[in-house]
Amino acid sequence: MEAFFDRNGRPKIRLKIKGRKQIEIVESVIDTGFDGFLSLPISIAVTLGLELAGIQKVEYADGRTSKELVFTIEVNFDGNWKKVYTTLTESYEALAGTALLNEYEVRLNFKTQKITFLK
């Protein structure tokens, strides 16, 4: 798992993800305000051939609520595949939420532009 700060100072993680059709490498913004696993652009979901898991109620940062489709996906952590859930976004950018990283102590050092994961 590789993490870095992009040129705009946003923390990102490079993830290997797998659907029914193929495997992709995706750069995702680490979003500490998002308590889900992943939110992926629709175009990536179509390419991967994700499997529908159900519908869930979500609440956005501005307080709005909505129902969203949830899909299963596999993410590779430390050489092991882990099944997680993802929602879809119309944005071009993927988000990695806190549920995805909850097995790690994550240190984001904005001053030194360093991200570390401790098990």
PDB file of N, CA and C in Angstrom:
ATOM      1  N   MET A   1       0.849  -1.163   0.000  1.00  0.00           N
ATOM      2  CA  MET A   1       0.000   0.000   0.000  1.00  0.00           C
ATOM      3  C   MET A   1       0.901   1.233   0.000  1.00  0.00           C
ATOM      4  N   GLU A   2       0.717   2.061  -0.972  1.00  0.00           N
ATOM      5  CA  GLU A   2       1.543   3.257  -1.109  1.00  0.00           C
ATOM      6  C   GLU A   2       0.684   4.487  -0.866  1.00  0.00           C
ATOM      7  N   ALA A   3       1.153   5.364   0.017  1.00  0.00           N
ATOM      8  CA  ALA A   3       0.426   6.596   0.305  1.00  0.00           C
ATOM      9  C   ALA A   3       1.353   7.788   0.103  1.00  0.00           C
ATOM     10  N   PHE A   4       0.763   8.908  -0.268  1.00  0.00           N
ATOM     11  CA  PHE A   4       1.546  10.101  -0.591  1.00  0.00           C
ATOM     12  C   PHE A   4       0.638  11.323  -0.551  1.00  0.00           C
ATOM     13  N   PHE A   5       1.241  12.491  -0.557  1.00  0.00           N
ATOM     14  CA  PHE A   5       0.505  13.741  -0.706  1.00  0.00           C
ATOM     15  C   PHE A   5       0.615  14.169  -2.160  1.00  0.00           C
ATOM     16  N   ASP A   6      -0.499  14.550  -2.759  1.00  0.00           N
ATOM     17  CA  ASP A   6      -0.441  15.009  -4.149  1.00  0.00           C
ATOM     18  C   ASP A   6       0.052  16.456  -4.205  1.00  0.00           C
ATOM     19  N   ARG A   7       0.179  17.009  -5.389  1.00  0.00           N
ATOM     20  CA  ARG A   7       0.743  18.357  -5.534  1.00  0.00           C
ATOM     21  C   ARG A   7      -0.150  19.444  -4.929  1.00  0.00           C
ATOM     22  N   ASN A   8      -1.406  19.097  -4.624  1.00  0.00           N
ATOM     23  CA  ASN A   8      -2.312  20.035  -3.957  1.00  0.00           C
ATOM     24  C   ASN A   8      -2.343  19.828  -2.445  1.00  0.00           C
ATOM     25  N   GLY A   9      -1.479  18.961  -1.945  1.00  0.00           N
ATOM     26  CA  GLY A   9      -1.376  18.728  -0.512  1.00  0.00           C
ATOM     27  C   GLY A   9      -2.427  17.801   0.070  1.00  0.00           C
ATOM     28  N   ARG A  10      -3.093  17.026  -0.788  1.00  0.00           N
ATOM     29  CA  ARG A  10      -4.123  16.098  -0.318  1.00  0.00           C
ATOM     30  C   ARG A  10      -3.531  14.707  -0.115  1.00  0.00           C
ATOM     31  N   PRO A  11      -3.847  14.060   1.023  1.00  0.00           N
ATOM     32  CA  PRO A  11      -3.325  12.708   1.254  1.00  0.00           C
ATOM     33  C   PRO A  11      -4.045  11.704   0.364  1.00  0.00           C
ATOM     34  N   LYS A  12      -3.264  10.848  -0.270  1.00  0.00           N
ATOM     35  CA  LYS A  12      -3.817   9.838  -1.170  1.00  0.00           C
ATOM     36  C   LYS A  12      -3.192   8.482  -0.878  1.00  0.00           C
ATOM     37  N   ILE A  13      -3.929   7.449  -1.283  1.00  0.00           N
ATOM     38  CA  ILE A  13      -3.434   6.086  -1.161  1.00  0.00           C
ATOM     39  C   ILE A  13      -3.655   5.387  -2.498  1.00  0.00           C
ATOM     40  N   ARG A  14      -2.648   4.647  -2.922  1.00  0.00           N
ATOM     41  CA  ARG A  14      -2.745   3.875  -4.163  1.00  0.00           C
ATOM     42  C   ARG A  14      -3.195   2.466  -3.780  1.00  0.00           C
ATOM     43  N   LEU A  15      -4.358   2.069  -4.302  1.00  0.00           N
ATOM     44  CA  LEU A  15      -4.960   0.785  -3.942  1.00  0.00           C
ATOM     45  C   LEU A  15      -5.068  -0.134  -5.144  1.00  0.00           C
ATOM     46  N   LYS A  16      -4.816  -1.419  -4.914  1.00  0.00           N
ATOM     47  CA  LYS A  16      -5.090  -2.440  -5.931  1.00  0.00           C
ATOM     48  C   LYS A  16      -6.470  -2.990  -5.597  1.00  0.00           C
ATOM     49  N   ILE A  17      -7.414  -2.834  -6.541  1.00  0.00           N
ATOM     50  CA  ILE A  17      -8.789  -3.263  -6.306  1.00  0.00           C
ATOM     51  C   ILE A  17      -9.215  -4.261  -7.372  1.00  0.00           C
ATOM     52  N   LYS A  18     -10.149  -5.156  -6.986  1.00  0.00           N
ATOM     53  CA  LYS A  18     -10.548  -6.229  -7.891  1.00  0.00           C
ATOM     54  C   LYS A  18     -12.066  -6.371  -7.901  1.00  0.00           C
ATOM     55  N   GLY A  19     -12.618  -6.409  -9.112  1.00  0.00           N
ATOM     56  CA  GLY A  19     -14.032  -6.716  -9.309  1.00  0.00           C
ATOM     57  C   GLY A  19     -14.153  -8.065  -9.996  1.00  0.00           C
ATOM     58  N   ARG A  20     -15.329  -8.347 -10.565  1.00  0.00           N
ATOM     59  CA  ARG A  20     -15.528  -9.635 -11.247  1.00  0.00           C
ATOM     60  C   ARG A  20     -14.779  -9.701 -12.569  1.00  0.00           C
ATOM     61  N   LYS A  21     -14.542  -8.554 -13.217  1.00  0.00           N
ATOM     62  CA  LYS A  21     -13.930  -8.549 -14.551  1.00  0.00           C
ATOM     63  C   LYS A  21     -12.419  -8.364 -14.547  1.00  0.00           C
ATOM     64  N   GLN A  22     -11.914  -7.519 -13.666  1.00  0.00           N
ATOM     65  CA  GLN A  22     -10.477  -7.243 -13.714  1.00  0.00           C
ATOM     66  C   GLN A  22      -9.968  -6.580 -12.449  1.00  0.00           C
ATOM     67  N   ILE A  23      -8.660  -6.338 -12.436  1.00  0.00           N
ATOM     68  CA  ILE A  23      -7.959  -5.686 -11.331  1.00  0.00           C
ATOM     69  C   ILE A  23      -7.476  -4.328 -11.821  1.00  0.00           C
ATOM     70  N   GLU A  24      -7.577  -3.317 -10.971  1.00  0.00           N
ATOM     71  CA  GLU A  24      -7.125  -1.963 -11.301  1.00  0.00           C
ATOM     72  C   GLU A  24      -6.302  -1.410 -10.145  1.00  0.00           C
ATOM     73  N   ILE A  25      -5.439  -0.462 -10.459  1.00  0.00           N
ATOM     74  CA  ILE A  25      -4.755   0.343  -9.449  1.00  0.00           C
ATOM     75  C   ILE A  25      -5.452   1.700  -9.455  1.00  0.00           C
ATOM     76  N   VAL A  26      -5.898   2.140  -8.268  1.00  0.00           N
ATOM     77  CA  VAL A  26      -6.651   3.385  -8.166  1.00  0.00           C
ATOM     78  C   VAL A  26      -6.020   4.273  -7.105  1.00  0.00           C
ATOM     79  N   GLU A  27      -5.849   5.545  -7.433  1.00  0.00           N
ATOM     80  CA  GLU A  27      -5.420   6.528  -6.444  1.00  0.00           C
ATOM     81  C   GLU A  27      -6.662   7.118  -5.799  1.00  0.00           C
ATOM     82  N   SER A  28      -6.740   7.020  -4.463  1.00  0.00           N
ATOM     83  CA  SER A  28      -7.904   7.491  -3.721  1.00  0.00           C
ATOM     84  C   SER A  28      -7.488   8.541  -2.705  1.00  0.00           C
ATOM     85  N   VAL A  29      -8.286   9.586  -2.573  1.00  0.00           N
ATOM     86  CA  VAL A  29      -8.067  10.582  -1.533  1.00  0.00           C
ATOM     87  C   VAL A  29      -8.415   9.944  -0.193  1.00  0.00           C
ATOM     88  N   ILE A  30      -7.552  10.082   0.802  1.00  0.00           N
ATOM     89  CA  ILE A  30      -7.857   9.613   2.151  1.00  0.00           C
ATOM     90  C   ILE A  30      -8.775  10.655   2.775  1.00  0.00           C
ATOM     91  N   ASP A  31     -10.029  10.269   3.008  1.00  0.00           N
ATOM     92  CA  ASP A  31     -11.056  11.194   3.490  1.00  0.00           C
ATOM     93  C   ASP A  31     -11.468  10.792   4.901  1.00  0.00           C
ATOM     94  N   THR A  32     -10.924  11.482   5.905  1.00  0.00           N
ATOM     95  CA  THR A  32     -11.207  11.139   7.301  1.00  0.00           C
ATOM     96  C   THR A  32     -12.631  11.514   7.719  1.00  0.00           C
ATOM     97  N   GLY A  33     -13.339  12.251   6.892  1.00  0.00           N
ATOM     98  CA  GLY A  33     -14.732  12.582   7.168  1.00  0.00           C
ATOM     99  C   GLY A  33     -15.708  11.591   6.562  1.00  0.00           C
ATOM    100  N   PHE A  34     -15.201  10.599   5.854  1.00  0.00           N
ATOM    101  CA  PHE A  34     -16.022   9.582   5.190  1.00  0.00           C
ATOM    102  C   PHE A  34     -15.878   8.284   5.974  1.00  0.00           C
ATOM    103  N   ASP A  35     -16.965   7.811   6.585  1.00  0.00           N
ATOM    104  CA  ASP A  35     -16.866   6.626   7.437  1.00  0.00           C
ATOM    105  C   ASP A  35     -17.115   5.310   6.707  1.00  0.00           C
ATOM    106  N   GLY A  36     -17.239   5.348   5.395  1.00  0.00           N
ATOM    107  CA  GLY A  36     -17.377   4.132   4.601  1.00  0.00           C
ATOM    108  C   GLY A  36     -16.021   3.564   4.217  1.00  0.00           C
ATOM    109  N   PHE A  37     -16.051   2.536   3.372  1.00  0.00           N
ATOM    110  CA  PHE A  37     -14.813   1.928   2.887  1.00  0.00           C
ATOM    111  C   PHE A  37     -14.264   2.700   1.693  1.00  0.00           C
ATOM    112  N   LEU A  38     -15.012   2.682   0.600  1.00  0.00           N
ATOM    113  CA  LEU A  38     -14.583   3.326  -0.643  1.00  0.00           C
ATOM    114  C   LEU A  38     -15.763   3.998  -1.319  1.00  0.00           C
ATOM    115  N   SER A  39     -15.458   5.020  -2.082  1.00  0.00           N
ATOM    116  CA  SER A  39     -16.412   5.616  -3.011  1.00  0.00           C
ATOM    117  C   SER A  39     -15.666   5.724  -4.335  1.00  0.00           C
ATOM    118  N   LEU A  40     -16.175   5.042  -5.352  1.00  0.00           N
ATOM    119  CA  LEU A  40     -15.479   4.959  -6.635  1.00  0.00           C
ATOM    120  C   LEU A  40     -16.246   5.661  -7.738  1.00  0.00           C
ATOM    121  N   PRO A  41     -15.523   6.252  -8.690  1.00  0.00           N
ATOM    122  CA  PRO A  41     -16.189   6.794  -9.877  1.00  0.00           C
ATOM    123  C   PRO A  41     -16.946   5.688 -10.615  1.00  0.00           C
ATOM    124  N   ILE A  42     -18.081   6.040 -11.171  1.00  0.00           N
ATOM    125  CA  ILE A  42     -18.918   5.079 -11.894  1.00  0.00           C
ATOM    126  C   ILE A  42     -18.130   4.382 -12.997  1.00  0.00           C
ATOM    127  N   SER A  43     -17.281   5.131 -13.692  1.00  0.00           N
ATOM    128  CA  SER A  43     -16.516   4.549 -14.805  1.00  0.00           C
ATOM    129  C   SER A  43     -15.618   3.402 -14.345  1.00  0.00           C
ATOM    130  N   ILE A  44     -15.036   3.522 -13.164  1.00  0.00           N
ATOM    131  CA  ILE A  44     -14.181   2.449 -12.634  1.00  0.00           C
ATOM    132  C   ILE A  44     -15.036   1.239 -12.265  1.00  0.00           C
ATOM    133  N   ALA A  45     -16.193   1.489 -11.659  1.00  0.00           N
ATOM    134  CA  ALA A  45     -17.090   0.397 -11.265  1.00  0.00           C
ATOM    135  C   ALA A  45     -17.527  -0.419 -12.472  1.00  0.00           C
ATOM    136  N   VAL A  46     -17.832   0.257 -13.567  1.00  0.00           N
ATOM    137  CA  VAL A  46     -18.255  -0.432 -14.789  1.00  0.00           C
ATOM    138  C   VAL A  46     -17.107  -1.282 -15.332  1.00  0.00           C
ATOM    139  N   THR A  47     -15.915  -0.718 -15.373  1.00  0.00           N
ATOM    140  CA  THR A  47     -14.741  -1.433 -15.869  1.00  0.00           C
ATOM    141  C   THR A  47     -14.459  -2.689 -15.043  1.00  0.00           C
ATOM    142  N   LEU A  48     -14.600  -2.578 -13.718  1.00  0.00           N
ATOM    143  CA  LEU A  48     -14.305  -3.698 -12.829  1.00  0.00           C
ATOM    144  C   LEU A  48     -15.390  -4.766 -12.821  1.00  0.00           C
ATOM    145  N   GLY A  49     -16.609  -4.401 -13.171  1.00  0.00           N
ATOM    146  CA  GLY A  49     -17.721  -5.350 -13.105  1.00  0.00           C
ATOM    147  C   GLY A  49     -18.118  -5.653 -11.676  1.00  0.00           C
ATOM    148  N   LEU A  50     -18.419  -4.616 -10.904  1.00  0.00           N
ATOM    149  CA  LEU A  50     -18.749  -4.802  -9.491  1.00  0.00           C
ATOM    150  C   LEU A  50     -20.105  -5.469  -9.302  1.00  0.00           C
ATOM    151  N   GLU A  51     -20.227  -6.187  -8.201  1.00  0.00           N
ATOM    152  CA  GLU A  51     -21.452  -6.916  -7.872  1.00  0.00           C
ATOM    153  C   GLU A  51     -22.267  -6.119  -6.853  1.00  0.00           C
ATOM    154  N   LEU A  52     -23.548  -5.922  -7.146  1.00  0.00           N
ATOM    155  CA  LEU A  52     -24.437  -5.178  -6.257  1.00  0.00           C
ATOM    156  C   LEU A  52     -24.643  -5.954  -4.962  1.00  0.00           C
ATOM    157  N   ALA A  53     -24.441  -5.261  -3.824  1.00  0.00           N
ATOM    158  CA  ALA A  53     -24.622  -5.888  -2.512  1.00  0.00           C
ATOM    159  C   ALA A  53     -25.923  -5.443  -1.851  1.00  0.00           C
ATOM    160  N   GLY A  54     -26.418  -4.252  -2.213  1.00  0.00           N
ATOM    161  CA  GLY A  54     -27.645  -3.762  -1.596  1.00  0.00           C
ATOM    162  C   GLY A  54     -27.759  -2.257  -1.684  1.00  0.00           C
ATOM    163  N   ILE A  55     -28.615  -1.708  -0.825  1.00  0.00           N
ATOM    164  CA  ILE A  55     -28.846  -0.264  -0.757  1.00  0.00           C
ATOM    165  C   ILE A  55     -28.649   0.161   0.689  1.00  0.00           C
ATOM    166  N   GLN A  56     -28.022   1.333   0.892  1.00  0.00           N
ATOM    167  CA  GLN A  56     -27.855   1.841   2.249  1.00  0.00           C
ATOM    168  C   GLN A  56     -28.179   3.322   2.298  1.00  0.00           C
ATOM    169  N   LYS A  57     -28.607   3.766   3.464  1.00  0.00           N
ATOM    170  CA  LYS A  57     -28.865   5.181   3.684  1.00  0.00           C
ATOM    171  C   LYS A  57     -27.539   5.840   4.045  1.00  0.00           C
ATOM    172  N   VAL A  58     -27.236   6.966   3.426  1.00  0.00           N
ATOM    173  CA  VAL A  58     -26.000   7.692   3.700  1.00  0.00           C
ATOM    174  C   VAL A  58     -26.328   9.121   4.096  1.00  0.00           C
ATOM    175  N   GLU A  59     -25.437   9.709   4.888  1.00  0.00           N
ATOM    176  CA  GLU A  59     -25.566  11.113   5.253  1.00  0.00           C
ATOM    177  C   GLU A  59     -24.318  11.836   4.791  1.00  0.00           C
ATOM    178  N   TYR A  60     -24.515  12.927   4.073  1.00  0.00           N
ATOM    179  CA  TYR A  60     -23.411  13.717   3.540  1.00  0.00           C
ATOM    180  C   TYR A  60     -22.953  14.752   4.568  1.00  0.00           C
ATOM    181  N   ALA A  61     -21.807  15.350   4.333  1.00  0.00           N
ATOM    182  CA  ALA A  61     -21.236  16.329   5.252  1.00  0.00           C
ATOM    183  C   ALA A  61     -22.167  17.516   5.492  1.00  0.00           C
ATOM    184  N   ASP A  62     -22.987  17.848   4.506  1.00  0.00           N
ATOM    185  CA  ASP A  62     -23.897  18.994   4.667  1.00  0.00           C
ATOM    186  C   ASP A  62     -25.213  18.617   5.346  1.00  0.00           C
ATOM    187  N   GLY A  63     -25.334  17.361   5.802  1.00  0.00           N
ATOM    188  CA  GLY A  63     -26.523  16.925   6.520  1.00  0.00           C
ATOM    189  C   GLY A  63     -27.590  16.256   5.668  1.00  0.00           C
ATOM    190  N   ARG A  64     -27.475  16.354   4.347  1.00  0.00           N
ATOM    191  CA  ARG A  64     -28.447  15.690   3.471  1.00  0.00           C
ATOM    192  C   ARG A  64     -28.328  14.182   3.626  1.00  0.00           C
ATOM    193  N   THR A  65     -29.443  13.491   3.432  1.00  0.00           N
ATOM    194  CA  THR A  65     -29.418  12.033   3.430  1.00  0.00           C
ATOM    195  C   THR A  65     -29.930  11.524   2.092  1.00  0.00           C
ATOM    196  N   SER A  66     -29.515  10.316   1.771  1.00  0.00           N
ATOM    197  CA  SER A  66     -29.899   9.716   0.502  1.00  0.00           C
ATOM    198  C   SER A  66     -29.741   8.206   0.617  1.00  0.00           C
ATOM    199  N   LYS A  67     -30.321   7.488  -0.321  1.00  0.00           N
ATOM    200  CA  LYS A  67     -30.086   6.050  -0.423  1.00  0.00           C
ATOM    201  C   LYS A  67     -29.156   5.819  -1.600  1.00  0.00           C
ATOM    202  N   GLU A  68     -28.149   4.981  -1.379  1.00  0.00           N
ATOM    203  CA  GLU A  68     -27.175   4.706  -2.432  1.00  0.00           C
ATOM    204  C   GLU A  68     -27.006   3.208  -2.625  1.00  0.00           C
ATOM    205  N   LEU A  69     -26.702   2.843  -3.854  1.00  0.00           N
ATOM    206  CA  LEU A  69     -26.360   1.459  -4.160  1.00  0.00           C
ATOM    207  C   LEU A  69     -24.989   1.151  -3.573  1.00  0.00           C
ATOM    208  N   VAL A  70     -24.849  -0.047  -3.038  1.00  0.00           N
ATOM    209  CA  VAL A  70     -23.582  -0.489  -2.454  1.00  0.00           C
ATOM    210  C   VAL A  70     -23.132  -1.739  -3.200  1.00  0.00           C
ATOM    211  N   PHE A  71     -21.850  -1.782  -3.517  1.00  0.00           N
ATOM    212  CA  PHE A  71     -21.270  -2.885  -4.279  1.00  0.00           C
ATOM    213  C   PHE A  71     -20.148  -3.527  -3.479  1.00  0.00           C
ATOM    214  N   THR A  72     -19.883  -4.811  -3.747  1.00  0.00           N
ATOM    215  CA  THR A  72     -18.736  -5.470  -3.125  1.00  0.00           C
ATOM    216  C   THR A  72     -17.534  -5.347  -4.053  1.00  0.00           C
ATOM    217  N   ILE A  73     -16.388  -5.247  -3.427  1.00  0.00           N
ATOM    218  CA  ILE A  73     -15.125  -5.114  -4.147  1.00  0.00           C
ATOM    219  C   ILE A  73     -14.038  -5.713  -3.264  1.00  0.00           C
ATOM    220  N   GLU A  74     -12.948  -6.126  -3.854  1.00  0.00           N
ATOM    221  CA  GLU A  74     -11.819  -6.612  -3.066  1.00  0.00           C
ATOM    222  C   GLU A  74     -10.670  -5.623  -3.176  1.00  0.00           C
ATOM    223  N   VAL A  75     -10.007  -5.403  -2.033  1.00  0.00           N
ATOM    224  CA  VAL A  75      -8.872  -4.490  -1.952  1.00  0.00           C
ATOM    225  C   VAL A  75      -7.687  -5.282  -1.427  1.00  0.00           C
ATOM    226  N   ASN A  76      -6.513  -5.060  -2.018  1.00  0.00           N
ATOM    227  CA  ASN A  76      -5.311  -5.763  -1.598  1.00  0.00           C
ATOM    228  C   ASN A  76      -4.573  -4.942  -0.545  1.00  0.00           C
ATOM    229  N   PHE A  77      -4.445  -5.529   0.655  1.00  0.00           N
ATOM    230  CA  PHE A  77      -3.671  -4.922   1.737  1.00  0.00           C
ATOM    231  C   PHE A  77      -2.560  -5.876   2.116  1.00  0.00           C
ATOM    232  N   ASP A  78      -1.345  -5.399   2.054  1.00  0.00           N
ATOM    233  CA  ASP A  78      -0.193  -6.199   2.474  1.00  0.00           C
ATOM    234  C   ASP A  78      -0.176  -7.584   1.832  1.00  0.00           C
ATOM    235  N   GLY A  79      -0.577  -7.662   0.565  1.00  0.00           N
ATOM    236  CA  GLY A  79      -0.552  -8.920  -0.166  1.00  0.00           C
ATOM    237  C   GLY A  79      -1.778  -9.798   0.013  1.00  0.00           C
ATOM    238  N   ASN A  80      -2.728  -9.364   0.828  1.00  0.00           N
ATOM    239  CA  ASN A  80      -3.947 -10.138   1.078  1.00  0.00           C
ATOM    240  C   ASN A  80      -5.166  -9.394   0.546  1.00  0.00           C
ATOM    241  N   TRP A  81      -6.080 -10.144  -0.086  1.00  0.00           N
ATOM    242  CA  TRP A  81      -7.311  -9.550  -0.603  1.00  0.00           C
ATOM    243  C   TRP A  81      -8.357  -9.511   0.499  1.00  0.00           C
ATOM    244  N   LYS A  82      -9.010  -8.353   0.643  1.00  0.00           N
ATOM    245  CA  LYS A  82     -10.044  -8.150   1.655  1.00  0.00           C
ATOM    246  C   LYS A  82     -11.309  -7.655   0.960  1.00  0.00           C
ATOM    247  N   LYS A  83     -12.443  -8.318   1.228  1.00  0.00           N
ATOM    248  CA  LYS A  83     -13.714  -7.899   0.634  1.00  0.00           C
ATOM    249  C   LYS A  83     -14.283  -6.733   1.438  1.00  0.00           C
ATOM    250  N   VAL A  84     -14.616  -5.636   0.740  1.00  0.00           N
ATOM    251  CA  VAL A  84     -15.190  -4.448   1.370  1.00  0.00           C
ATOM    252  C   VAL A  84     -16.351  -3.950   0.509  1.00  0.00           C
ATOM    253  N   TYR A  85     -16.953  -2.861   0.941  1.00  0.00           N
ATOM    254  CA  TYR A  85     -18.070  -2.273   0.209  1.00  0.00           C
ATOM    255  C   TYR A  85     -17.684  -0.927  -0.373  1.00  0.00           C
ATOM    256  N   THR A  86     -18.279  -0.613  -1.507  1.00  0.00           N
ATOM    257  CA  THR A  86     -18.056   0.683  -2.129  1.00  0.00           C
ATOM    258  C   THR A  86     -19.380   1.264  -2.597  1.00  0.00           C
ATOM    259  N   THR A  87     -19.459   2.575  -2.502  1.00  0.00           N
ATOM    260  CA  THR A  87     -20.552   3.303  -3.132  1.00  0.00           C
ATOM    261  C   THR A  87     -19.977   3.917  -4.402  1.00  0.00           C
ATOM    262  N   LEU A  88     -20.822   4.519  -5.200  1.00  0.00           N
ATOM    263  CA  LEU A  88     -20.373   5.118  -6.457  1.00  0.00           C
ATOM    264  C   LEU A  88     -20.525   6.626  -6.405  1.00  0.00           C
ATOM    265  N   THR A  89     -19.695   7.308  -7.170  1.00  0.00           N
ATOM    266  CA  THR A  89     -19.746   8.756  -7.243  1.00  0.00           C
ATOM    267  C   THR A  89     -19.671   9.198  -8.696  1.00  0.00           C
ATOM    268  N   GLU A  90     -20.280  10.329  -8.975  1.00  0.00           N
ATOM    269  CA  GLU A  90     -20.173  10.909 -10.316  1.00  0.00           C
ATOM    270  C   GLU A  90     -18.868  11.678 -10.480  1.00  0.00           C
ATOM    271  N   SER A  91     -18.152  11.859  -9.386  1.00  0.00           N
ATOM    272  CA  SER A  91     -16.859  12.533  -9.412  1.00  0.00           C
ATOM    273  C   SER A  91     -15.847  11.667 -10.160  1.00  0.00           C
ATOM    274  N   TYR A  92     -14.767  12.272 -10.593  1.00  0.00           N
ATOM    275  CA  TYR A  92     -13.688  11.535 -11.249  1.00  0.00           C
ATOM    276  C   TYR A  92     -12.721  10.960 -10.216  1.00  0.00           C
ATOM    277  N   GLU A  93     -12.917  11.305  -8.939  1.00  0.00           N
ATOM    278  CA  GLU A  93     -11.950  10.964  -7.915  1.00  0.00           C
ATOM    279  C   GLU A  93     -12.502   9.944  -6.916  1.00  0.00           C
ATOM    280  N   ALA A  94     -11.701   8.940  -6.615  1.00  0.00           N
ATOM    281  CA  ALA A  94     -12.071   7.924  -5.630  1.00  0.00           C
ATOM    282  C   ALA A  94     -11.753   8.430  -4.228  1.00  0.00           C
ATOM    283  N   LEU A  95     -12.538   7.958  -3.249  1.00  0.00           N
ATOM    284  CA  LEU A  95     -12.307   8.301  -1.850  1.00  0.00           C
ATOM    285  C   LEU A  95     -12.079   7.026  -1.049  1.00  0.00           C
ATOM    286  N   ALA A  96     -11.094   7.062  -0.158  1.00  0.00           N
ATOM    287  CA  ALA A  96     -10.844   5.975   0.785  1.00  0.00           C
ATOM    288  C   ALA A  96     -11.297   6.466   2.152  1.00  0.00           C
ATOM    289  N   GLY A  97     -12.261   5.768   2.750  1.00  0.00           N
ATOM    290  CA  GLY A  97     -12.823   6.192   4.029  1.00  0.00           C
ATOM    291  C   GLY A  97     -12.184   5.509   5.219  1.00  0.00           C
ATOM    292  N   THR A  98     -12.652   5.911   6.397  1.00  0.00           N
ATOM    293  CA  THR A  98     -12.070   5.406   7.638  1.00  0.00           C
ATOM    294  C   THR A  98     -12.333   3.915   7.866  1.00  0.00           C
ATOM    295  N   ALA A  99     -13.443   3.387   7.364  1.00  0.00           N
ATOM    296  CA  ALA A  99     -13.712   1.952   7.533  1.00  0.00           C
ATOM    297  C   ALA A  99     -12.654   1.108   6.823  1.00  0.00           C
ATOM    298  N   LEU A 100     -12.128   1.626   5.732  1.00  0.00           N
ATOM    299  CA  LEU A 100     -11.105   0.901   4.974  1.00  0.00           C
ATOM    300  C   LEU A 100      -9.795   0.800   5.754  1.00  0.00           C
ATOM    301  N   LEU A 101      -9.515   1.821   6.545  1.00  0.00           N
ATOM    302  CA  LEU A 101      -8.218   1.911   7.220  1.00  0.00           C
ATOM    303  C   LEU A 101      -8.297   1.633   8.715  1.00  0.00           C
ATOM    304  N   ASN A 102      -9.429   1.108   9.201  1.00  0.00           N
ATOM    305  CA  ASN A 102      -9.627   0.987  10.647  1.00  0.00           C
ATOM    306  C   ASN A 102      -8.743  -0.051  11.335  1.00  0.00           C
ATOM    307  N   GLU A 103      -8.041  -0.860  10.592  1.00  0.00           N
ATOM    308  CA  GLU A 103      -7.114  -1.823  11.200  1.00  0.00           C
ATOM    309  C   GLU A 103      -5.713  -1.232  11.361  1.00  0.00           C
ATOM    310  N   TYR A 104      -5.555   0.015  10.991  1.00  0.00           N
ATOM    311  CA  TYR A 104      -4.249   0.664  11.015  1.00  0.00           C
ATOM    312  C   TYR A 104      -4.279   1.930  11.859  1.00  0.00           C
ATOM    313  N   GLU A 105      -3.118   2.258  12.396  1.00  0.00           N
ATOM    314  CA  GLU A 105      -2.910   3.597  12.925  1.00  0.00           C
ATOM    315  C   GLU A 105      -2.357   4.380  11.739  1.00  0.00           C
ATOM    316  N   VAL A 106      -3.066   5.408  11.330  1.00  0.00           N
ATOM    317  CA  VAL A 106      -2.667   6.191  10.159  1.00  0.00           C
ATOM    318  C   VAL A 106      -2.156   7.541  10.639  1.00  0.00           C
ATOM    319  N   ARG A 107      -0.948   7.879  10.229  1.00  0.00           N
ATOM    320  CA  ARG A 107      -0.359   9.172  10.596  1.00  0.00           C
ATOM    321  C   ARG A 107      -0.192  10.019   9.339  1.00  0.00           C
ATOM    322  N   LEU A 108      -0.873  11.146   9.339  1.00  0.00           N
ATOM    323  CA  LEU A 108      -0.776  12.101   8.232  1.00  0.00           C
ATOM    324  C   LEU A 108       0.025  13.294   8.728  1.00  0.00           C
ATOM    325  N   ASN A 109       1.225  13.468   8.215  1.00  0.00           N
ATOM    326  CA  ASN A 109       2.051  14.599   8.615  1.00  0.00           C
ATOM    327  C   ASN A 109       2.075  15.597   7.463  1.00  0.00           C
ATOM    328  N   PHE A 110       1.234  16.604   7.565  1.00  0.00           N
ATOM    329  CA  PHE A 110       1.125  17.589   6.493  1.00  0.00           C
ATOM    330  C   PHE A 110       2.394  18.431   6.374  1.00  0.00           C
ATOM    331  N   LYS A 111       3.085  18.634   7.485  1.00  0.00           N
ATOM    332  CA  LYS A 111       4.307  19.441   7.465  1.00  0.00           C
ATOM    333  C   LYS A 111       5.413  18.757   6.660  1.00  0.00           C
ATOM    334  N   THR A 112       5.607  17.456   6.903  1.00  0.00           N
ATOM    335  CA  THR A 112       6.674  16.733   6.201  1.00  0.00           C
ATOM    336  C   THR A 112       6.179  16.017   4.948  1.00  0.00           C
ATOM    337  N   GLN A 113       4.840  16.066   4.730  1.00  0.00           N
ATOM    338  CA  GLN A 113       4.224  15.399   3.578  1.00  0.00           C
ATOM    339  C   GLN A 113       4.481  13.892   3.603  1.00  0.00           C
ATOM    340  N   LYS A 114       4.385  13.310   4.807  1.00  0.00           N
ATOM    341  CA  LYS A 114       4.621  11.877   4.964  1.00  0.00           C
ATOM    342  C   LYS A 114       3.379  11.206   5.556  1.00  0.00           C
ATOM    343  N   ILE A 115       3.055  10.018   5.032  1.00  0.00           N
ATOM    344  CA  ILE A 115       1.931   9.223   5.520  1.00  0.00           C
ATOM    345  C   ILE A 115       2.474   7.859   5.929  1.00  0.00           C
ATOM    346  N   THR A 116       2.144   7.436   7.152  1.00  0.00           N
ATOM    347  CA  THR A 116       2.589   6.125   7.616  1.00  0.00           C
ATOM    348  C   THR A 116       1.396   5.319   8.121  1.00  0.00           C
ATOM    349  N   PHE A 117       1.477   4.003   7.941  1.00  0.00           N
ATOM    350  CA  PHE A 117       0.459   3.063   8.402  1.00  0.00           C
ATOM    351  C   PHE A 117       1.126   2.093   9.361  1.00  0.00           C
ATOM    352  N   LEU A 118       0.585   1.978  10.557  1.00  0.00           N
ATOM    353  CA  LEU A 118       1.088   1.030  11.541  1.00  0.00           C
ATOM    354  C   LEU A 118      -0.018   0.046  11.861  1.00  0.00           C
ATOM    355  N   LYS A 119       0.294  -1.232  11.878  1.00  0.00           N
ATOM    356  CA  LYS A 119      -0.709  -2.272  12.151  1.00  0.00           C
ATOM    357  C   LYS A 119      -0.921  -2.396  13.633  1.00  0.00           C
TER     358      LYS A 119
END
